[in-house]
Amino acid sequence: MRRLQRIFQDRIFLRLIDQGERLVAKLLAAMLFLVLAVATLKFCFDVLLQLANPGVRWEGQGLIAVLGDLLNLLIAIEVLQNITSYLRRHVVQIELVLLTAITAVARKVIVLPPNAENKPLLVVGLGVAVLCLAAAFWMVRRANEQDVSEPNGLARTGPARSFQEAGPSPAAGAAGPH
């Protein structure tokens, strides 16, 4: 019972949670890299087969399908960058997450079938999603630029600190030296 109480002390418990998060992130990164490598090889093989076939049309739906597959690979790369960024700095980069979402919505818009004009709510919904994501990206970017220019050098986008680490809190640092 005493050992269990020790494990649930804040510092030890948070260290275990942190190690678990890092392990999960590493497993996800490894699996995503494997999936990305196989998907890239398949994409290259499919494009080469299509290039070898003179009957394949590269305009219209054929080109849209290739662009959709390529954008899927780019989205997977961006997700992998999100995971590796988390592993490097132990912080989720919201700008990168928003860019990944914008790329995903752009992919959806690009691969819309020609008969999508029959689905006006889908087109309006995608337009609203693009506007909202772009606005969120702009706000986050602007906030990050302001954080960098802060005179005290404290940025809200830096790595998270444990509440038990030494040093002034950002709120105390913002009020001036003590």
C-alpha atoms as a PDB file:
ATOM      1  CA  MET A   1       0.000   0.000   0.000  1.00  0.00           C
ATOM      2  CA  ARG A   2       2.841   2.341   0.836  1.00  0.00           C
ATOM      3  CA  ARG A   3       4.459   1.755  -2.573  1.00  0.00           C
ATOM      4  CA  LEU A   4       1.168   2.582  -4.276  1.00  0.00           C
ATOM      5  CA  GLN A   5       0.912   5.834  -2.321  1.00  0.00           C
ATOM      6  CA  ARG A   6       4.466   6.675  -3.383  1.00  0.00           C
ATOM      7  CA  ILE A   7       3.620   6.087  -7.057  1.00  0.00           C
ATOM      8  CA  PHE A   8       0.694   8.483  -6.811  1.00  0.00           C
ATOM      9  CA  GLN A   9       2.810  11.319  -5.450  1.00  0.00           C
ATOM     10  CA  ASP A  10       2.662  14.172  -7.934  1.00  0.00           C
ATOM     11  CA  ARG A  11       6.256  14.113  -9.149  1.00  0.00           C
ATOM     12  CA  ILE A  12       6.491  10.315  -9.575  1.00  0.00           C
ATOM     13  CA  PHE A  13       3.016  10.008 -11.071  1.00  0.00           C
ATOM     14  CA  LEU A  14       3.633  12.811 -13.583  1.00  0.00           C
ATOM     15  CA  ARG A  15       6.969  11.259 -14.552  1.00  0.00           C
ATOM     16  CA  LEU A  16       5.220   7.913 -15.235  1.00  0.00           C
ATOM     17  CA  ILE A  17       2.528   9.632 -17.279  1.00  0.00           C
ATOM     18  CA  ASP A  18       5.195  11.530 -19.238  1.00  0.00           C
ATOM     19  CA  GLN A  19       7.103   8.318 -19.972  1.00  0.00           C
ATOM     20  CA  GLY A  20       3.872   6.642 -21.075  1.00  0.00           C
ATOM     21  CA  GLU A  21       3.004   9.545 -23.392  1.00  0.00           C
ATOM     22  CA  ARG A  22       6.467   9.440 -24.949  1.00  0.00           C
ATOM     23  CA  LEU A  23       6.245   5.662 -25.460  1.00  0.00           C
ATOM     24  CA  VAL A  24       2.839   5.962 -27.149  1.00  0.00           C
ATOM     25  CA  ALA A  25       4.116   8.823 -29.345  1.00  0.00           C
ATOM     26  CA  LYS A  26       7.142   6.741 -30.377  1.00  0.00           C
ATOM     27  CA  LEU A  27       4.952   3.744 -31.230  1.00  0.00           C
ATOM     28  CA  LEU A  28       2.605   5.961 -33.250  1.00  0.00           C
ATOM     29  CA  ALA A  29       5.536   7.564 -35.068  1.00  0.00           C
ATOM     30  CA  ALA A  30       7.061   4.183 -35.922  1.00  0.00           C
ATOM     31  CA  MET A  31       3.750   2.777 -37.175  1.00  0.00           C
ATOM     32  CA  LEU A  32       2.944   5.918 -39.155  1.00  0.00           C
ATOM     33  CA  PHE A  33       6.414   5.888 -40.714  1.00  0.00           C
ATOM     34  CA  LEU A  34       5.915   2.266 -41.763  1.00  0.00           C
ATOM     35  CA  VAL A  35       2.489   3.045 -43.243  1.00  0.00           C
ATOM     36  CA  LEU A  36       3.897   6.129 -44.962  1.00  0.00           C
ATOM     37  CA  ALA A  37       6.800   4.187 -46.477  1.00  0.00           C
ATOM     38  CA  VAL A  38       4.506   1.447 -47.832  1.00  0.00           C
ATOM     39  CA  ALA A  39       1.974   3.995 -49.140  1.00  0.00           C
ATOM     40  CA  THR A  40       4.747   5.971 -50.860  1.00  0.00           C
ATOM     41  CA  LEU A  41       6.072   2.855 -52.564  1.00  0.00           C
ATOM     42  CA  LYS A  42       2.561   1.896 -53.673  1.00  0.00           C
ATOM     43  CA  PHE A  43       1.903   5.432 -54.942  1.00  0.00           C
ATOM     44  CA  CYS A  44       5.153   5.438 -56.956  1.00  0.00           C
ATOM     45  CA  PHE A  45       4.420   1.977 -58.343  1.00  0.00           C
ATOM     46  CA  ASP A  46       0.880   2.990 -59.363  1.00  0.00           C
ATOM     47  CA  VAL A  47       2.075   6.201 -61.065  1.00  0.00           C
ATOM     48  CA  LEU A  48       4.814   4.324 -62.933  1.00  0.00           C
ATOM     49  CA  LEU A  49       2.272   1.741 -64.116  1.00  0.00           C
ATOM     50  CA  GLN A  50      -0.013   4.520 -65.297  1.00  0.00           C
ATOM     51  CA  LEU A  51       2.854   6.262 -67.088  1.00  0.00           C
ATOM     52  CA  ALA A  52       3.699   3.010 -68.878  1.00  0.00           C
ATOM     53  CA  ASN A  53       0.108   2.621 -70.065  1.00  0.00           C
ATOM     54  CA  PRO A  54      -0.522   4.899 -73.065  1.00  0.00           C
ATOM     55  CA  GLY A  55      -4.281   4.547 -72.616  1.00  0.00           C
ATOM     56  CA  VAL A  56      -4.298   6.355 -69.269  1.00  0.00           C
ATOM     57  CA  ARG A  57      -5.664   9.886 -69.417  1.00  0.00           C
ATOM     58  CA  TRP A  58      -3.839  12.367 -67.214  1.00  0.00           C
ATOM     59  CA  GLU A  59      -6.478  15.040 -67.263  1.00  0.00           C
ATOM     60  CA  GLY A  60      -9.768  15.152 -65.420  1.00  0.00           C
ATOM     61  CA  GLN A  61     -10.539  12.449 -62.876  1.00  0.00           C
ATOM     62  CA  GLY A  62      -7.237  10.603 -63.444  1.00  0.00           C
ATOM     63  CA  LEU A  63      -5.220  13.646 -62.425  1.00  0.00           C
ATOM     64  CA  ILE A  64      -7.547  14.395 -59.511  1.00  0.00           C
ATOM     65  CA  ALA A  65      -7.099  10.841 -58.198  1.00  0.00           C
ATOM     66  CA  VAL A  66      -3.301  11.146 -58.359  1.00  0.00           C
ATOM     67  CA  LEU A  67      -3.403  14.540 -56.611  1.00  0.00           C
ATOM     68  CA  GLY A  68      -5.693  13.110 -53.922  1.00  0.00           C
ATOM     69  CA  ASP A  69      -3.271  10.241 -53.250  1.00  0.00           C
ATOM     70  CA  LEU A  70      -0.326  12.648 -53.175  1.00  0.00           C
ATOM     71  CA  LEU A  71      -2.110  14.955 -50.735  1.00  0.00           C
ATOM     72  CA  ASN A  72      -2.906  11.955 -48.515  1.00  0.00           C
ATOM     73  CA  LEU A  73       0.827  11.261 -48.330  1.00  0.00           C
ATOM     74  CA  LEU A  74       1.558  14.910 -47.510  1.00  0.00           C
ATOM     75  CA  ILE A  75      -1.059  14.871 -44.744  1.00  0.00           C
ATOM     76  CA  ALA A  76       0.541  11.728 -43.298  1.00  0.00           C
ATOM     77  CA  ILE A  77       3.950  13.458 -43.373  1.00  0.00           C
ATOM     78  CA  GLU A  78       2.475  16.448 -41.536  1.00  0.00           C
ATOM     79  CA  VAL A  79       0.975  14.157 -38.878  1.00  0.00           C
ATOM     80  CA  LEU A  80       4.370  12.465 -38.498  1.00  0.00           C
ATOM     81  CA  GLN A  81       5.940  15.916 -38.078  1.00  0.00           C
ATOM     82  CA  ASN A  82       3.368  16.659 -35.369  1.00  0.00           C
ATOM     83  CA  ILE A  83       4.364  13.519 -33.487  1.00  0.00           C
ATOM     84  CA  THR A  84       8.117  14.023 -33.846  1.00  0.00           C
ATOM     85  CA  SER A  85       7.759  17.680 -32.858  1.00  0.00           C
ATOM     86  CA  TYR A  86       5.990  16.537 -29.703  1.00  0.00           C
ATOM     87  CA  LEU A  87       8.805  14.091 -28.976  1.00  0.00           C
ATOM     88  CA  ARG A  88      11.476  16.766 -29.507  1.00  0.00           C
ATOM     89  CA  ARG A  89       9.946  19.611 -27.528  1.00  0.00           C
ATOM     90  CA  HIS A  90       7.203  17.942 -25.508  1.00  0.00           C
ATOM     91  CA  VAL A  91       4.705  20.465 -26.835  1.00  0.00           C
ATOM     92  CA  VAL A  92       1.975  20.186 -29.457  1.00  0.00           C
ATOM     93  CA  GLN A  93       2.508  22.810 -32.148  1.00  0.00           C
ATOM     94  CA  ILE A  94      -0.962  24.137 -32.854  1.00  0.00           C
ATOM     95  CA  GLU A  95       0.190  25.906 -36.045  1.00  0.00           C
ATOM     96  CA  LEU A  96       1.293  22.583 -37.514  1.00  0.00           C
ATOM     97  CA  VAL A  97      -1.962  20.916 -36.461  1.00  0.00           C
ATOM     98  CA  LEU A  98      -3.968  23.701 -38.148  1.00  0.00           C
ATOM     99  CA  LEU A  99      -1.865  23.472 -41.320  1.00  0.00           C
ATOM    100  CA  THR A 100      -2.490  19.727 -41.405  1.00  0.00           C
ATOM    101  CA  ALA A 101      -6.232  20.345 -41.093  1.00  0.00           C
ATOM    102  CA  ILE A 102      -6.126  22.987 -43.844  1.00  0.00           C
ATOM    103  CA  THR A 103      -4.296  20.528 -46.103  1.00  0.00           C
ATOM    104  CA  ALA A 104      -6.924  17.857 -45.359  1.00  0.00           C
ATOM    105  CA  VAL A 105      -9.794  20.206 -46.219  1.00  0.00           C
ATOM    106  CA  ALA A 106      -7.960  21.383 -49.352  1.00  0.00           C
ATOM    107  CA  ARG A 107      -7.556  17.750 -50.388  1.00  0.00           C
ATOM    108  CA  LYS A 108     -11.274  17.212 -49.943  1.00  0.00           C
ATOM    109  CA  VAL A 109     -12.024  20.254 -52.095  1.00  0.00           C
ATOM    110  CA  ILE A 110      -9.604  19.119 -54.811  1.00  0.00           C
ATOM    111  CA  VAL A 111     -11.011  15.593 -55.051  1.00  0.00           C
ATOM    112  CA  LEU A 112     -14.652  16.661 -55.027  1.00  0.00           C
ATOM    113  CA  PRO A 113     -16.396  14.895 -57.874  1.00  0.00           C
ATOM    114  CA  PRO A 114     -17.765  17.071 -60.668  1.00  0.00           C
ATOM    115  CA  ASN A 115     -21.332  16.350 -59.557  1.00  0.00           C
ATOM    116  CA  ALA A 116     -20.650  18.032 -56.187  1.00  0.00           C
ATOM    117  CA  GLU A 117     -22.654  20.979 -57.448  1.00  0.00           C
ATOM    118  CA  ASN A 118     -25.655  18.828 -56.500  1.00  0.00           C
ATOM    119  CA  LYS A 119     -24.476  18.997 -52.864  1.00  0.00           C
ATOM    120  CA  PRO A 120     -24.418  22.701 -52.020  1.00  0.00           C
ATOM    121  CA  LEU A 121     -24.337  22.094 -48.259  1.00  0.00           C
ATOM    122  CA  LEU A 122     -21.128  20.089 -48.635  1.00  0.00           C
ATOM    123  CA  VAL A 123     -19.476  22.894 -50.617  1.00  0.00           C
ATOM    124  CA  VAL A 124     -20.688  25.520 -48.128  1.00  0.00           C
ATOM    125  CA  GLY A 125     -19.498  23.379 -45.199  1.00  0.00           C
ATOM    126  CA  LEU A 126     -16.046  22.978 -46.723  1.00  0.00           C
ATOM    127  CA  GLY A 127     -15.889  26.726 -47.355  1.00  0.00           C
ATOM    128  CA  VAL A 128     -16.815  27.472 -43.750  1.00  0.00           C
ATOM    129  CA  ALA A 129     -14.219  24.938 -42.558  1.00  0.00           C
ATOM    130  CA  VAL A 130     -11.519  26.595 -44.665  1.00  0.00           C
ATOM    131  CA  LEU A 131     -12.432  30.054 -43.350  1.00  0.00           C
ATOM    132  CA  CYS A 132     -12.500  28.881 -39.720  1.00  0.00           C
ATOM    133  CA  LEU A 133      -9.179  27.051 -40.010  1.00  0.00           C
ATOM    134  CA  ALA A 134      -7.561  29.998 -41.780  1.00  0.00           C
ATOM    135  CA  ALA A 135      -8.839  32.378 -39.095  1.00  0.00           C
ATOM    136  CA  ALA A 136      -7.597  30.100 -36.326  1.00  0.00           C
ATOM    137  CA  PHE A 137      -4.203  29.798 -38.007  1.00  0.00           C
ATOM    138  CA  TRP A 138      -3.986  33.586 -38.366  1.00  0.00           C
ATOM    139  CA  MET A 139      -4.875  34.124 -34.700  1.00  0.00           C
ATOM    140  CA  VAL A 140      -2.378  31.532 -33.460  1.00  0.00           C
ATOM    141  CA  ARG A 141       0.353  32.905 -35.724  1.00  0.00           C
ATOM    142  CA  ARG A 142      -0.329  36.431 -34.536  1.00  0.00           C
ATOM    143  CA  ALA A 143      -0.291  35.345 -30.878  1.00  0.00           C
ATOM    144  CA  ASN A 144       3.004  33.520 -31.425  1.00  0.00           C
ATOM    145  CA  GLU A 145       4.549  36.591 -33.076  1.00  0.00           C
ATOM    146  CA  GLN A 146       3.487  38.721 -30.093  1.00  0.00           C
ATOM    147  CA  ASP A 147       4.943  36.163 -27.660  1.00  0.00           C
ATOM    148  CA  VAL A 148       8.311  36.297 -29.412  1.00  0.00           C
ATOM    149  CA  SER A 149       8.392  40.078 -29.178  1.00  0.00           C
ATOM    150  CA  GLU A 150       7.524  40.119 -25.443  1.00  0.00           C
ATOM    151  CA  PRO A 151      10.232  42.002 -23.515  1.00  0.00           C
ATOM    152  CA  ASN A 152      10.435  39.423 -20.726  1.00  0.00           C
ATOM    153  CA  GLY A 153      11.059  36.608 -23.231  1.00  0.00           C
ATOM    154  CA  LEU A 154       8.305  34.418 -21.821  1.00  0.00           C
ATOM    155  CA  ALA A 155       6.392  32.719 -24.600  1.00  0.00           C
ATOM    156  CA  ARG A 156       3.150  30.806 -24.136  1.00  0.00           C
ATOM    157  CA  THR A 157       4.140  28.407 -26.912  1.00  0.00           C
ATOM    158  CA  GLY A 158       7.290  27.096 -25.221  1.00  0.00           C
ATOM    159  CA  PRO A 159       7.601  23.671 -23.686  1.00  0.00           C
ATOM    160  CA  ALA A 160       5.397  23.059 -20.688  1.00  0.00           C
ATOM    161  CA  ARG A 161       7.113  23.092 -17.312  1.00  0.00           C
ATOM    162  CA  SER A 162       6.230  20.936 -14.383  1.00  0.00           C
ATOM    163  CA  PHE A 163       4.641  22.906 -11.570  1.00  0.00           C
ATOM    164  CA  GLN A 164       7.439  21.655  -9.335  1.00  0.00           C
ATOM    165  CA  GLU A 165      10.321  22.969 -11.443  1.00  0.00           C
ATOM    166  CA  ALA A 166      12.327  25.792  -9.966  1.00  0.00           C
ATOM    167  CA  GLY A 167      12.039  29.319 -11.250  1.00  0.00           C
ATOM    168  CA  PRO A 168       9.384  31.980 -11.437  1.00  0.00           C
ATOM    169  CA  SER A 169       6.052  31.225 -12.978  1.00  0.00           C
ATOM    170  CA  PRO A 170       5.196  33.069 -16.208  1.00  0.00           C
ATOM    171  CA  ALA A 171       2.693  35.189 -14.267  1.00  0.00           C
ATOM    172  CA  ALA A 172       5.308  36.137 -11.690  1.00  0.00           C
ATOM    173  CA  GLY A 173       7.887  36.832 -14.410  1.00  0.00           C
ATOM    174  CA  ALA A 174       5.446  39.069 -16.249  1.00  0.00           C
ATOM    175  CA  ALA A 175       4.978  41.242 -13.158  1.00  0.00           C
ATOM    176  CA  GLY A 176       8.685  42.088 -13.089  1.00  0.00           C
ATOM    177  CA  PRO A 177      11.712  41.005 -11.029  1.00  0.00           C
ATOM    178  CA  HIS A 178      11.180  40.204  -7.363  1.00  0.00           C
END
